[in-house]
Every structure is written in structure tokens, then in C-alpha cells.
PDB file of N, CA and C in Angstrom:
ATOM      1  N   MET A   1       0.848  -1.156   0.000  1.00  0.00           N
ATOM      2  CA  MET A   1       0.000   0.000   0.000  1.00  0.00           C
ATOM      3  C   MET A   1       0.900   1.227   0.000  1.00  0.00           C
ATOM      4  N   LYS A   2       0.705   2.110  -0.935  1.00  0.00           N
ATOM      5  CA  LYS A   2       1.660   3.193  -1.143  1.00  0.00           C
ATOM      6  C   LYS A   2       1.564   4.330  -0.133  1.00  0.00           C
ATOM      7  N   ASN A   3       0.531   4.375   0.704  1.00  0.00           N
ATOM      8  CA  ASN A   3       0.456   5.431   1.713  1.00  0.00           C
ATOM      9  C   ASN A   3       0.954   4.982   3.088  1.00  0.00           C
ATOM     10  N   PHE A   4       1.431   3.735   3.208  1.00  0.00           N
ATOM     11  CA  PHE A   4       1.986   3.234   4.469  1.00  0.00           C
ATOM     12  C   PHE A   4       3.318   3.924   4.734  1.00  0.00           C
ATOM     13  N   VAL A   5       3.502   4.418   5.956  1.00  0.00           N
ATOM     14  CA  VAL A   5       4.727   5.129   6.315  1.00  0.00           C
ATOM     15  C   VAL A   5       5.649   4.253   7.147  1.00  0.00           C
ATOM     16  N   GLN A   6       5.142   3.687   8.248  1.00  0.00           N
ATOM     17  CA  GLN A   6       5.945   2.846   9.134  1.00  0.00           C
ATOM     18  C   GLN A   6       5.033   2.185  10.159  1.00  0.00           C
ATOM     19  N   PRO A   7       5.503   1.149  10.876  1.00  0.00           N
ATOM     20  CA  PRO A   7       4.674   0.501  11.886  1.00  0.00           C
ATOM     21  C   PRO A   7       4.310   1.423  13.057  1.00  0.00           C
ATOM     22  N   GLY A   8       5.159   2.383  13.376  1.00  0.00           N
ATOM     23  CA  GLY A   8       4.856   3.323  14.450  1.00  0.00           C
ATOM     24  C   GLY A   8       5.334   2.901  15.824  1.00  0.00           C
ATOM     25  N   ASP A   9       6.114   1.826  15.907  1.00  0.00           N
ATOM     26  CA  ASP A   9       6.635   1.379  17.201  1.00  0.00           C
ATOM     27  C   ASP A   9       7.702   2.324  17.733  1.00  0.00           C
ATOM     28  N   ASN A  10       8.406   2.995  16.838  1.00  0.00           N
ATOM     29  CA  ASN A  10       9.432   3.976  17.189  1.00  0.00           C
ATOM     30  C   ASN A  10       9.150   5.240  16.392  1.00  0.00           C
ATOM     31  N   LEU A  11       9.122   6.372  17.093  1.00  0.00           N
ATOM     32  CA  LEU A  11       8.860   7.647  16.432  1.00  0.00           C
ATOM     33  C   LEU A  11       9.984   8.624  16.736  1.00  0.00           C
ATOM     34  N   ASP A  12      10.370   9.413  15.749  1.00  0.00           N
ATOM     35  CA  ASP A  12      11.340  10.482  15.980  1.00  0.00           C
ATOM     36  C   ASP A  12      10.618  11.618  16.697  1.00  0.00           C
ATOM     37  N   LEU A  13      11.049  11.894  17.919  1.00  0.00           N
ATOM     38  CA  LEU A  13      10.403  12.903  18.756  1.00  0.00           C
ATOM     39  C   LEU A  13      11.445  13.841  19.338  1.00  0.00           C
ATOM     40  N   ALA A  14      11.041  15.062  19.628  1.00  0.00           N
ATOM     41  CA  ALA A  14      11.922  16.028  20.285  1.00  0.00           C
ATOM     42  C   ALA A  14      11.839  15.810  21.792  1.00  0.00           C
ATOM     43  N   ALA A  15      12.973  15.653  22.439  1.00  0.00           N
ATOM     44  CA  ALA A  15      13.013  15.442  23.889  1.00  0.00           C
ATOM     45  C   ALA A  15      12.480  16.683  24.609  1.00  0.00           C
ATOM     46  N   PRO A  16      11.440  16.529  25.434  1.00  0.00           N
ATOM     47  CA  PRO A  16      10.873  17.681  26.134  1.00  0.00           C
ATOM     48  C   PRO A  16      11.739  18.161  27.304  1.00  0.00           C
ATOM     49  N   ARG A  17      12.684  17.337  27.698  1.00  0.00           N
ATOM     50  CA  ARG A  17      13.638  17.633  28.776  1.00  0.00           C
ATOM     51  C   ARG A  17      14.832  16.715  28.552  1.00  0.00           C
ATOM     52  N   ALA A  18      15.901  16.900  29.296  1.00  0.00           N
ATOM     53  CA  ALA A  18      17.026  15.966  29.202  1.00  0.00           C
ATOM     54  C   ALA A  18      16.527  14.583  29.611  1.00  0.00           C
ATOM     55  N   LEU A  19      16.829  13.578  28.801  1.00  0.00           N
ATOM     56  CA  LEU A  19      16.337  12.219  29.039  1.00  0.00           C
ATOM     57  C   LEU A  19      17.488  11.231  29.082  1.00  0.00           C
ATOM     58  N   THR A  20      17.325  10.202  29.898  1.00  0.00           N
ATOM     59  CA  THR A  20      18.252   9.078  29.876  1.00  0.00           C
ATOM     60  C   THR A  20      17.543   7.908  29.204  1.00  0.00           C
ATOM     61  N   SER A  21      18.304   7.010  28.636  1.00  0.00           N
ATOM     62  CA  SER A  21      17.738   5.836  27.994  1.00  0.00           C
ATOM     63  C   SER A  21      16.822   5.107  28.976  1.00  0.00           C
ATOM     64  N   GLY A  22      15.609   4.801  28.549  1.00  0.00           N
ATOM     65  CA  GLY A  22      14.649   4.106  29.396  1.00  0.00           C
ATOM     66  C   GLY A  22      13.678   5.022  30.116  1.00  0.00           C
ATOM     67  N   ALA A  23      13.882   6.334  30.024  1.00  0.00           N
ATOM     68  CA  ALA A  23      12.986   7.286  30.690  1.00  0.00           C
ATOM     69  C   ALA A  23      11.709   7.463  29.882  1.00  0.00           C
ATOM     70  N   GLY A  24      10.591   7.560  30.580  1.00  0.00           N
ATOM     71  CA  GLY A  24       9.329   7.848  29.927  1.00  0.00           C
ATOM     72  C   GLY A  24       9.190   9.339  29.692  1.00  0.00           C
ATOM     73  N   PHE A  25       8.486   9.697  28.616  1.00  0.00           N
ATOM     74  CA  PHE A  25       8.249  11.114  28.352  1.00  0.00           C
ATOM     75  C   PHE A  25       7.013  11.293  27.489  1.00  0.00           C
ATOM     76  N   LEU A  26       6.490  12.499  27.547  1.00  0.00           N
ATOM     77  CA  LEU A  26       5.264  12.832  26.842  1.00  0.00           C
ATOM     78  C   LEU A  26       5.530  14.001  25.900  1.00  0.00           C
ATOM     79  N   VAL A  27       5.110  13.844  24.647  1.00  0.00           N
ATOM     80  CA  VAL A  27       5.160  14.925  23.664  1.00  0.00           C
ATOM     81  C   VAL A  27       3.729  15.099  23.174  1.00  0.00           C
ATOM     82  N   GLY A  28       3.071  16.143  23.626  1.00  0.00           N
ATOM     83  CA  GLY A  28       1.648  16.291  23.328  1.00  0.00           C
ATOM     84  C   GLY A  28       0.897  15.121  23.937  1.00  0.00           C
ATOM     85  N   SER A  29       0.217  14.355  23.117  1.00  0.00           N
ATOM     86  CA  SER A  29      -0.505  13.168  23.589  1.00  0.00           C
ATOM     87  C   SER A  29       0.241  11.876  23.309  1.00  0.00           C
ATOM     88  N   ILE A  30       1.478  11.972  22.825  1.00  0.00           N
ATOM     89  CA  ILE A  30       2.278  10.775  22.522  1.00  0.00           C
ATOM     90  C   ILE A  30       3.162  10.454  23.715  1.00  0.00           C
ATOM     91  N   PHE A  31       2.988   9.252  24.291  1.00  0.00           N
ATOM     92  CA  PHE A  31       3.882   8.790  25.351  1.00  0.00           C
ATOM     93  C   PHE A  31       4.887   7.843  24.726  1.00  0.00           C
ATOM     94  N   ALA A  32       6.142   7.976  25.130  1.00  0.00           N
ATOM     95  CA  ALA A  32       7.196   7.108  24.607  1.00  0.00           C
ATOM     96  C   ALA A  32       8.250   6.871  25.675  1.00  0.00           C
ATOM     97  N   VAL A  33       9.099   5.897  25.416  1.00  0.00           N
ATOM     98  CA  VAL A  33      10.247   5.604  26.268  1.00  0.00           C
ATOM     99  C   VAL A  33      11.492   5.914  25.447  1.00  0.00           C
ATOM    100  N   ALA A  34      12.415   6.656  26.048  1.00  0.00           N
ATOM    101  CA  ALA A  34      13.633   7.071  25.348  1.00  0.00           C
ATOM    102  C   ALA A  34      14.500   5.862  25.025  1.00  0.00           C
ATOM    103  N   SER A  35      14.928   5.773  23.770  1.00  0.00           N
ATOM    104  CA  SER A  35      15.792   4.668  23.347  1.00  0.00           C
ATOM    105  C   SER A  35      17.260   4.959  23.643  1.00  0.00           C
ATOM    106  N   VAL A  36      17.598   6.229  23.804  1.00  0.00           N
ATOM    107  CA  VAL A  36      18.974   6.673  24.074  1.00  0.00           C
ATOM    108  C   VAL A  36      18.920   7.896  24.986  1.00  0.00           C
ATOM    109  N   ASP A  37      20.067   8.297  25.523  1.00  0.00           N
ATOM    110  CA  ASP A  37      20.143   9.562  26.247  1.00  0.00           C
ATOM    111  C   ASP A  37      19.950  10.690  25.239  1.00  0.00           C
ATOM    112  N   ALA A  38      19.297  11.775  25.660  1.00  0.00           N
ATOM    113  CA  ALA A  38      19.083  12.905  24.753  1.00  0.00           C
ATOM    114  C   ALA A  38      18.988  14.201  25.539  1.00  0.00           C
ATOM    115  N   ALA A  39      19.570  15.251  24.984  1.00  0.00           N
ATOM    116  CA  ALA A  39      19.454  16.586  25.570  1.00  0.00           C
ATOM    117  C   ALA A  39      18.076  17.154  25.240  1.00  0.00           C
ATOM    118  N   GLN A  40      17.613  18.095  26.044  1.00  0.00           N
ATOM    119  CA  GLN A  40      16.338  18.745  25.770  1.00  0.00           C
ATOM    120  C   GLN A  40      16.348  19.330  24.359  1.00  0.00           C
ATOM    121  N   GLY A  41      15.293  19.055  23.603  1.00  0.00           N
ATOM    122  CA  GLY A  41      15.162  19.559  22.243  1.00  0.00           C
ATOM    123  C   GLY A  41      15.773  18.670  21.175  1.00  0.00           C
ATOM    124  N   ALA A  42      16.629  17.736  21.571  1.00  0.00           N
ATOM    125  CA  ALA A  42      17.250  16.831  20.599  1.00  0.00           C
ATOM    126  C   ALA A  42      16.219  15.819  20.098  1.00  0.00           C
ATOM    127  N   THR A  43      16.383  15.373  18.867  1.00  0.00           N
ATOM    128  CA  THR A  43      15.503  14.354  18.309  1.00  0.00           C
ATOM    129  C   THR A  43      16.026  12.978  18.694  1.00  0.00           C
ATOM    130  N   LEU A  44      15.119  12.128  19.146  1.00  0.00           N
ATOM    131  CA  LEU A  44      15.487  10.756  19.495  1.00  0.00           C
ATOM    132  C   LEU A  44      14.374   9.821  19.068  1.00  0.00           C
ATOM    133  N   ALA A  45      14.684   8.534  19.014  1.00  0.00           N
ATOM    134  CA  ALA A  45      13.659   7.528  18.744  1.00  0.00           C
ATOM    135  C   ALA A  45      12.939   7.245  20.053  1.00  0.00           C
ATOM    136  N   GLY A  46      11.659   7.541  20.075  1.00  0.00           N
ATOM    137  CA  GLY A  46      10.829   7.223  21.230  1.00  0.00           C
ATOM    138  C   GLY A  46      10.089   5.930  20.943  1.00  0.00           C
ATOM    139  N   VAL A  47      10.200   4.975  21.850  1.00  0.00           N
ATOM    140  CA  VAL A  47       9.547   3.679  21.680  1.00  0.00           C
ATOM    141  C   VAL A  47       8.123   3.798  22.218  1.00  0.00           C
ATOM    142  N   THR A  48       7.149   3.507  21.373  1.00  0.00           N
ATOM    143  CA  THR A  48       5.750   3.711  21.738  1.00  0.00           C
ATOM    144  C   THR A  48       4.971   2.416  21.930  1.00  0.00           C
ATOM    145  N   ARG A  49       5.658   1.285  21.799  1.00  0.00           N
ATOM    146  CA  ARG A  49       4.974   0.004  21.931  1.00  0.00           C
ATOM    147  C   ARG A  49       5.893  -0.975  22.631  1.00  0.00           C
ATOM    148  N   GLY A  50       5.319  -1.790  23.507  1.00  0.00           N
ATOM    149  CA  GLY A  50       6.097  -2.783  24.229  1.00  0.00           C
ATOM    150  C   GLY A  50       5.739  -2.762  25.701  1.00  0.00           C
ATOM    151  N   VAL A  51       6.459  -3.563  26.478  1.00  0.00           N
ATOM    152  CA  VAL A  51       6.255  -3.650  27.922  1.00  0.00           C
ATOM    153  C   VAL A  51       7.514  -3.136  28.600  1.00  0.00           C
ATOM    154  N   PHE A  52       7.350  -2.207  29.533  1.00  0.00           N
ATOM    155  CA  PHE A  52       8.479  -1.549  30.189  1.00  0.00           C
ATOM    156  C   PHE A  52       8.268  -1.489  31.691  1.00  0.00           C
ATOM    157  N   ASP A  53       9.362  -1.572  32.444  1.00  0.00           N
ATOM    158  CA  ASP A  53       9.354  -1.269  33.868  1.00  0.00           C
ATOM    159  C   ASP A  53       9.593   0.227  33.982  1.00  0.00           C
ATOM    160  N   LEU A  54       8.608   0.940  34.534  1.00  0.00           N
ATOM    161  CA  LEU A  54       8.682   2.391  34.632  1.00  0.00           C
ATOM    162  C   LEU A  54       8.549   2.825  36.088  1.00  0.00           C
ATOM    163  N   PRO A  55       9.195   3.936  36.465  1.00  0.00           N
ATOM    164  CA  PRO A  55       9.079   4.414  37.842  1.00  0.00           C
ATOM    165  C   PRO A  55       7.622   4.743  38.154  1.00  0.00           C
ATOM    166  N   LYS A  56       7.207   4.412  39.380  1.00  0.00           N
ATOM    167  CA  LYS A  56       5.796   4.621  39.716  1.00  0.00           C
ATOM    168  C   LYS A  56       5.628   5.437  40.987  1.00  0.00           C
ATOM    169  N   ALA A  57       4.475   6.044  41.103  1.00  0.00           N
ATOM    170  CA  ALA A  57       4.087   6.772  42.306  1.00  0.00           C
ATOM    171  C   ALA A  57       3.780   5.766  43.412  1.00  0.00           C
ATOM    172  N   VAL A  58       3.735   6.228  44.645  1.00  0.00           N
ATOM    173  CA  VAL A  58       3.357   5.374  45.770  1.00  0.00           C
ATOM    174  C   VAL A  58       1.920   4.909  45.560  1.00  0.00           C
ATOM    175  N   GLY A  59       1.668   3.654  45.827  1.00  0.00           N
ATOM    176  CA  GLY A  59       0.342   3.078  45.666  1.00  0.00           C
ATOM    177  C   GLY A  59       0.443   1.739  44.964  1.00  0.00           C
ATOM    178  N   ALA A  60      -0.436   0.832  45.350  1.00  0.00           N
ATOM    179  CA  ALA A  60      -0.440  -0.505  44.754  1.00  0.00           C
ATOM    180  C   ALA A  60      -1.007  -0.452  43.337  1.00  0.00           C
ATOM    181  N   VAL A  61      -0.550  -1.384  42.516  1.00  0.00           N
ATOM    182  CA  VAL A  61      -1.028  -1.537  41.141  1.00  0.00           C
ATOM    183  C   VAL A  61      -1.471  -2.983  40.983  1.00  0.00           C
ATOM    184  N   THR A  62      -2.625  -3.193  40.371  1.00  0.00           N
ATOM    185  CA  THR A  62      -3.094  -4.551  40.122  1.00  0.00           C
ATOM    186  C   THR A  62      -2.893  -4.899  38.650  1.00  0.00           C
ATOM    187  N   GLN A  63      -2.701  -6.176  38.397  1.00  0.00           N
ATOM    188  CA  GLN A  63      -2.530  -6.633  37.017  1.00  0.00           C
ATOM    189  C   GLN A  63      -3.774  -6.262  36.215  1.00  0.00           C
ATOM    190  N   GLY A  64      -3.570  -5.680  35.055  1.00  0.00           N
ATOM    191  CA  GLY A  64      -4.678  -5.291  34.193  1.00  0.00           C
ATOM    192  C   GLY A  64      -5.220  -3.895  34.454  1.00  0.00           C
ATOM    193  N   GLN A  65      -4.696  -3.211  35.464  1.00  0.00           N
ATOM    194  CA  GLN A  65      -5.181  -1.873  35.809  1.00  0.00           C
ATOM    195  C   GLN A  65      -4.698  -0.834  34.793  1.00  0.00           C
ATOM    196  N   LYS A  66      -5.547   0.139  34.486  1.00  0.00           N
ATOM    197  CA  LYS A  66      -5.153   1.228  33.591  1.00  0.00           C
ATOM    198  C   LYS A  66      -4.064   2.061  34.261  1.00  0.00           C
ATOM    199  N   ILE A  67      -3.087   2.470  33.465  1.00  0.00           N
ATOM    200  CA  ILE A  67      -1.935   3.219  33.970  1.00  0.00           C
ATOM    201  C   ILE A  67      -1.873   4.575  33.272  1.00  0.00           C
ATOM    202  N   TYR A  68      -1.526   5.587  34.065  1.00  0.00           N
ATOM    203  CA  TYR A  68      -1.463   6.970  33.597  1.00  0.00           C
ATOM    204  C   TYR A  68      -0.061   7.525  33.833  1.00  0.00           C
ATOM    205  N   TRP A  69       0.306   8.558  33.081  1.00  0.00           N
ATOM    206  CA  TRP A  69       1.606   9.211  33.227  1.00  0.00           C
ATOM    207  C   TRP A  69       1.421  10.543  33.933  1.00  0.00           C
ATOM    208  N   ASP A  70       2.130  10.717  35.048  1.00  0.00           N
ATOM    209  CA  ASP A  70       2.170  11.985  35.776  1.00  0.00           C
ATOM    210  C   ASP A  70       3.329  12.785  35.189  1.00  0.00           C
ATOM    211  N   ASN A  71       3.027  13.769  34.374  1.00  0.00           N
ATOM    212  CA  ASN A  71       4.057  14.509  33.654  1.00  0.00           C
ATOM    213  C   ASN A  71       4.705  15.604  34.493  1.00  0.00           C
ATOM    214  N   THR A  72       4.325  15.696  35.763  1.00  0.00           N
ATOM    215  CA  THR A  72       4.992  16.612  36.691  1.00  0.00           C
ATOM    216  C   THR A  72       6.061  15.862  37.476  1.00  0.00           C
ATOM    217  N   ALA A  73       5.688  14.677  37.993  1.00  0.00           N
ATOM    218  CA  ALA A  73       6.624  13.860  38.778  1.00  0.00           C
ATOM    219  C   ALA A  73       7.395  12.872  37.899  1.00  0.00           C
ATOM    220  N   PHE A  74       6.972  12.712  36.646  1.00  0.00           N
ATOM    221  CA  PHE A  74       7.597  11.785  35.686  1.00  0.00           C
ATOM    222  C   PHE A  74       7.562  10.339  36.188  1.00  0.00           C
ATOM    223  N   VAL A  75       6.376   9.916  36.631  1.00  0.00           N
ATOM    224  CA  VAL A  75       6.146   8.548  37.101  1.00  0.00           C
ATOM    225  C   VAL A  75       4.797   8.065  36.584  1.00  0.00           C
ATOM    226  N   VAL A  76       4.616   6.735  36.584  1.00  0.00           N
ATOM    227  CA  VAL A  76       3.306   6.179  36.272  1.00  0.00           C
ATOM    228  C   VAL A  76       2.479   6.153  37.545  1.00  0.00           C
ATOM    229  N   THR A  77       1.174   6.188  37.356  1.00  0.00           N
ATOM    230  CA  THR A  77       0.251   6.231  38.478  1.00  0.00           C
ATOM    231  C   THR A  77      -1.073   5.597  38.065  1.00  0.00           C
ATOM    232  N   THR A  78      -1.890   5.271  39.046  1.00  0.00           N
ATOM    233  CA  THR A  78      -3.241   4.786  38.762  1.00  0.00           C
ATOM    234  C   THR A  78      -4.255   5.916  38.914  1.00  0.00           C
ATOM    235  N   THR A  79      -3.785   7.108  39.251  1.00  0.00           N
ATOM    236  CA  THR A  79      -4.645   8.273  39.437  1.00  0.00           C
ATOM    237  C   THR A  79      -4.951   8.926  38.096  1.00  0.00           C
ATOM    238  N   VAL A  80      -6.225   9.105  37.807  1.00  0.00           N
ATOM    239  CA  VAL A  80      -6.635   9.697  36.539  1.00  0.00           C
ATOM    240  C   VAL A  80      -6.327  11.193  36.539  1.00  0.00           C
ATOM    241  N   GLY A  81      -7.074  11.999  37.279  1.00  0.00           N
ATOM    242  CA  GLY A  81      -6.858  13.441  37.356  1.00  0.00           C
ATOM    243  C   GLY A  81      -6.550  14.047  35.999  1.00  0.00           C
ATOM    244  N   SER A  82      -5.487  14.835  35.939  1.00  0.00           N
ATOM    245  CA  SER A  82      -5.065  15.449  34.674  1.00  0.00           C
ATOM    246  C   SER A  82      -3.976  14.627  33.991  1.00  0.00           C
ATOM    247  N   ASN A  83      -3.746  13.414  34.487  1.00  0.00           N
ATOM    248  CA  ASN A  83      -2.699  12.551  33.935  1.00  0.00           C
ATOM    249  C   ASN A  83      -3.146  11.905  32.623  1.00  0.00           C
ATOM    250  N   THR A  84      -2.187  11.512  31.810  1.00  0.00           N
ATOM    251  CA  THR A  84      -2.443  10.936  30.490  1.00  0.00           C
ATOM    252  C   THR A  84      -2.405   9.417  30.557  1.00  0.00           C
ATOM    253  N   GLN A  85      -3.457   8.772  30.066  1.00  0.00           N
ATOM    254  CA  GLN A  85      -3.497   7.312  30.038  1.00  0.00           C
ATOM    255  C   GLN A  85      -2.471   6.810  29.032  1.00  0.00           C
ATOM    256  N   ILE A  86      -1.608   5.859  29.490  1.00  0.00           N
ATOM    257  CA  ILE A  86      -0.539   5.378  28.602  1.00  0.00           C
ATOM    258  C   ILE A  86      -0.575   3.878  28.349  1.00  0.00           C
ATOM    259  N   GLY A  87      -1.322   3.119  29.151  1.00  0.00           N
ATOM    260  CA  GLY A  87      -1.328   1.677  28.944  1.00  0.00           C
ATOM    261  C   GLY A  87      -1.982   0.941  30.087  1.00  0.00           C
ATOM    262  N   VAL A  88      -1.499  -0.286  30.307  1.00  0.00           N
ATOM    263  CA  VAL A  88      -2.087  -1.166  31.309  1.00  0.00           C
ATOM    264  C   VAL A  88      -0.976  -1.925  32.024  1.00  0.00           C
ATOM    265  N   ALA A  89      -1.172  -2.175  33.317  1.00  0.00           N
ATOM    266  CA  ALA A  89      -0.191  -2.934  34.096  1.00  0.00           C
ATOM    267  C   ALA A  89      -0.255  -4.403  33.701  1.00  0.00           C
ATOM    268  N   THR A  90       0.909  -5.005  33.458  1.00  0.00           N
ATOM    269  CA  THR A  90       0.936  -6.426  33.105  1.00  0.00           C
ATOM    270  C   THR A  90       1.243  -7.299  34.310  1.00  0.00           C
ATOM    271  N   ALA A  91       1.580  -6.667  35.435  1.00  0.00           N
ATOM    272  CA  ALA A  91       1.867  -7.391  36.674  1.00  0.00           C
ATOM    273  C   ALA A  91       1.475  -6.501  37.842  1.00  0.00           C
ATOM    274  N   ALA A  92       1.178  -7.126  38.962  1.00  0.00           N
ATOM    275  CA  ALA A  92       0.876  -6.361  40.175  1.00  0.00           C
ATOM    276  C   ALA A  92       2.159  -5.756  40.734  1.00  0.00           C
ATOM    277  N   ALA A  93       2.021  -4.629  41.431  1.00  0.00           N
ATOM    278  CA  ALA A  93       3.149  -3.990  42.111  1.00  0.00           C
ATOM    279  C   ALA A  93       2.652  -3.499  43.466  1.00  0.00           C
ATOM    280  N   ALA A  94       3.453  -3.721  44.494  1.00  0.00           N
ATOM    281  CA  ALA A  94       3.095  -3.280  45.840  1.00  0.00           C
ATOM    282  C   ALA A  94       3.253  -1.767  45.957  1.00  0.00           C
ATOM    283  N   SER A  95       2.622  -1.194  46.949  1.00  0.00           N
ATOM    284  CA  SER A  95       2.668   0.253  47.151  1.00  0.00           C
ATOM    285  C   SER A  95       4.087   0.794  47.220  1.00  0.00           C
ATOM    286  N   GLY A  96       4.976   0.076  47.888  1.00  0.00           N
ATOM    287  CA  GLY A  96       6.351   0.541  48.057  1.00  0.00           C
ATOM    288  C   GLY A  96       7.296   0.210  46.917  1.00  0.00           C
ATOM    289  N   ASP A  97       6.825  -0.539  45.916  1.00  0.00           N
ATOM    290  CA  ASP A  97       7.693  -0.872  44.779  1.00  0.00           C
ATOM    291  C   ASP A  97       8.065   0.390  44.008  1.00  0.00           C
ATOM    292  N   ALA A  98       9.281   0.423  43.497  1.00  0.00           N
ATOM    293  CA  ALA A  98       9.766   1.604  42.771  1.00  0.00           C
ATOM    294  C   ALA A  98       9.264   1.654  41.334  1.00  0.00           C
ATOM    295  N   THR A  99       8.905   0.495  40.769  1.00  0.00           N
ATOM    296  CA  THR A  99       8.486   0.458  39.367  1.00  0.00           C
ATOM    297  C   THR A  99       7.197  -0.337  39.187  1.00  0.00           C
ATOM    298  N   ALA A 100       6.575  -0.122  38.042  1.00  0.00           N
ATOM    299  CA  ALA A 100       5.426  -0.912  37.612  1.00  0.00           C
ATOM    300  C   ALA A 100       5.712  -1.383  36.192  1.00  0.00           C
ATOM    301  N   ARG A 101       5.273  -2.586  35.868  1.00  0.00           N
ATOM    302  CA  ARG A 101       5.454  -3.138  34.520  1.00  0.00           C
ATOM    303  C   ARG A 101       4.230  -2.755  33.688  1.00  0.00           C
ATOM    304  N   VAL A 102       4.482  -2.028  32.595  1.00  0.00           N
ATOM    305  CA  VAL A 102       3.403  -1.417  31.819  1.00  0.00           C
ATOM    306  C   VAL A 102       3.497  -1.797  30.344  1.00  0.00           C
ATOM    307  N   LYS A 103       2.374  -2.241  29.788  1.00  0.00           N
ATOM    308  CA  LYS A 103       2.265  -2.453  28.337  1.00  0.00           C
ATOM    309  C   LYS A 103       1.728  -1.148  27.768  1.00  0.00           C
ATOM    310  N   LEU A 104       2.532  -0.521  26.934  1.00  0.00           N
ATOM    311  CA  LEU A 104       2.152   0.772  26.380  1.00  0.00           C
ATOM    312  C   LEU A 104       1.039   0.642  25.354  1.00  0.00           C
ATOM    313  N   GLY A 105       0.128   1.587  25.403  1.00  0.00           N
ATOM    314  CA  GLY A 105      -0.876   1.733  24.364  1.00  0.00           C
ATOM    315  C   GLY A 105      -2.102   0.868  24.472  1.00  0.00           C
ATOM    316  N   TYR A 106      -2.030  -0.275  25.129  1.00  0.00           N
ATOM    317  CA  TYR A 106      -3.176  -1.181  25.137  1.00  0.00           C
ATOM    318  C   TYR A 106      -4.098  -0.864  26.301  1.00  0.00           C
ATOM    319  N   VAL A 107      -5.309  -0.494  25.998  1.00  0.00           N
ATOM    320  CA  VAL A 107      -6.319  -0.277  27.030  1.00  0.00           C
ATOM    321  C   VAL A 107      -7.655  -0.703  26.451  1.00  0.00           C
ATOM    322  N   ALA A 108      -8.353  -1.602  27.163  1.00  0.00           N
ATOM    323  CA  ALA A 108      -9.662  -2.061  26.687  1.00  0.00           C
ATOM    324  C   ALA A 108     -10.747  -1.099  27.118  1.00  0.00           C
TER     325      ALA A 108
END
């Protein structure tokens, strides 16, 4: 099909802040995980599909729970508020755990 551009698993995005490889970030409504370290404003490949261990806010997470991105604290959370929905938890995480395992993009 001649109008196909790419699968969309990796997108060239401008880093909204200095990022380290593996850091989550939001550009408009696009959530991605940095594939490399990048300075603010630099273009990098943001990974938009897959399962990642991401830093999380305090609070328990249940398997299958909707996950949101807190773009102020730069952590995942189960709190809706003004946060952006980014995916679903693929495993439970205790309140004190530092990370949550998240499948990006999939939400029923």
C-alpha cells in the first residue's frame, strides 16, 4: 500500500527535557520511552509500543489496571486526574515498589 509510512513502534520525537535511555516522556498526547540519552530539544527515537518497567508513584497496582503518566513527577500512576493514560499494568506492584510493569498503548 503506497500510503503506508511505518509501523509506528518507534517515532522520531523532540526530547521535552534531558532524558536518559529508558525514561518515559510525553510529547503532546504521545507517550514514549527514550531509546537513548538525549538533551532537551534533541531528536530521538521514542519507543511507543512494548512492555516496560517504569518508575511509579506510591500506591499498589493490580494486574490489568489502567496506567497513567504523571508529567509533573515523571512517574506512572493509577490516578486519573489530569494525567495521560498510557497503557495497562501487566503485573501487580506493591505500594512501596519503585516500578510498575506497563504495556504501552493497550487499554480495553
